[in-house]
Amino acid sequence: MNRDTVTLGTFKEKAQEHLRIVQALAEQDLDKTLGEFDNHMKAYIQAVKEGSLA
């Protein structure tokens, strides 16, 4: 899969998103976890819609 790093964000940004998801899981807060996961996936979903990811 080709990745458009401008569309998806930097490695550091993605790592921070992953950390927020893990922290929400550790807090056992489902709503927060789902919100963080949704925010994380938005860039990927948009890239797929635009054809940026193949």
C-alpha atoms as a PDB file:
ATOM      1  CA  MET A   1       0.000   0.000   0.000  1.00  0.00           C
ATOM      2  CA  ASN A   2       1.355   3.419  -0.930  1.00  0.00           C
ATOM      3  CA  ARG A   3       1.105   6.026   1.761  1.00  0.00           C
ATOM      4  CA  ASP A   4       0.783   9.744   1.160  1.00  0.00           C
ATOM      5  CA  THR A   5       2.538  11.057   4.266  1.00  0.00           C
ATOM      6  CA  VAL A   6       1.196  14.560   3.740  1.00  0.00           C
ATOM      7  CA  THR A   7      -2.368  13.230   3.833  1.00  0.00           C
ATOM      8  CA  LEU A   8      -1.849  10.827   6.712  1.00  0.00           C
ATOM      9  CA  GLY A   9       0.406  12.961   8.894  1.00  0.00           C
ATOM     10  CA  THR A  10       3.901  12.536  10.212  1.00  0.00           C
ATOM     11  CA  PHE A  11       5.186   9.516  12.080  1.00  0.00           C
ATOM     12  CA  LYS A  12       5.160  11.569  15.288  1.00  0.00           C
ATOM     13  CA  GLU A  13       1.535  12.628  14.761  1.00  0.00           C
ATOM     14  CA  LYS A  14       0.438   9.030  14.156  1.00  0.00           C
ATOM     15  CA  ALA A  15       2.366   7.827  17.217  1.00  0.00           C
ATOM     16  CA  GLN A  16       0.644  10.489  19.339  1.00  0.00           C
ATOM     17  CA  GLU A  17      -2.750   9.379  18.004  1.00  0.00           C
ATOM     18  CA  HIS A  18      -1.945   5.765  18.900  1.00  0.00           C
ATOM     19  CA  LEU A  19      -0.869   6.848  22.380  1.00  0.00           C
ATOM     20  CA  ARG A  20      -4.150   8.712  22.928  1.00  0.00           C
ATOM     21  CA  ILE A  21      -6.085   5.581  21.903  1.00  0.00           C
ATOM     22  CA  VAL A  22      -4.066   3.396  24.287  1.00  0.00           C
ATOM     23  CA  GLN A  23      -4.477   5.903  27.128  1.00  0.00           C
ATOM     24  CA  ALA A  24      -8.244   5.977  26.605  1.00  0.00           C
ATOM     25  CA  LEU A  25      -8.267   2.174  26.674  1.00  0.00           C
ATOM     26  CA  ALA A  26      -6.271   2.194  29.913  1.00  0.00           C
ATOM     27  CA  GLU A  27      -8.848   4.567  31.411  1.00  0.00           C
ATOM     28  CA  GLN A  28     -11.556   2.089  30.340  1.00  0.00           C
ATOM     29  CA  ASP A  29     -13.480   4.969  28.786  1.00  0.00           C
ATOM     30  CA  LEU A  30     -15.264   3.512  25.766  1.00  0.00           C
ATOM     31  CA  ASP A  31     -16.626   6.813  24.454  1.00  0.00           C
ATOM     32  CA  LYS A  32     -13.208   8.453  24.629  1.00  0.00           C
ATOM     33  CA  THR A  33     -11.558   5.395  23.044  1.00  0.00           C
ATOM     34  CA  LEU A  34     -14.012   5.361  20.151  1.00  0.00           C
ATOM     35  CA  GLY A  35     -13.620   9.111  19.691  1.00  0.00           C
ATOM     36  CA  GLU A  36      -9.832   8.867  19.547  1.00  0.00           C
ATOM     37  CA  PHE A  37     -10.033   5.920  17.151  1.00  0.00           C
ATOM     38  CA  ASP A  38     -12.480   7.817  14.939  1.00  0.00           C
ATOM     39  CA  ASN A  39     -10.159  10.835  14.861  1.00  0.00           C
ATOM     40  CA  HIS A  40      -7.246   8.557  13.984  1.00  0.00           C
ATOM     41  CA  MET A  41      -9.105   6.899  11.111  1.00  0.00           C
ATOM     42  CA  LYS A  42     -10.452  10.103   9.514  1.00  0.00           C
ATOM     43  CA  ALA A  43      -7.268  10.743   7.519  1.00  0.00           C
ATOM     44  CA  TYR A  44      -7.177   7.163   6.227  1.00  0.00           C
ATOM     45  CA  ILE A  45     -10.852   7.192   5.252  1.00  0.00           C
ATOM     46  CA  GLN A  46     -10.483  10.527   3.465  1.00  0.00           C
ATOM     47  CA  ALA A  47      -7.369   9.311   1.626  1.00  0.00           C
ATOM     48  CA  VAL A  48      -9.197   6.196   0.437  1.00  0.00           C
ATOM     49  CA  LYS A  49     -12.142   8.283  -0.768  1.00  0.00           C
ATOM     50  CA  GLU A  50      -9.771  10.556  -2.693  1.00  0.00           C
ATOM     51  CA  GLY A  51      -7.798   7.635  -4.091  1.00  0.00           C
ATOM     52  CA  SER A  52      -4.591   8.713  -2.311  1.00  0.00           C
ATOM     53  CA  LEU A  53      -4.060   5.205  -0.955  1.00  0.00           C
ATOM     54  CA  ALA A  54      -3.764   2.328  -3.348  1.00  0.00           C
END
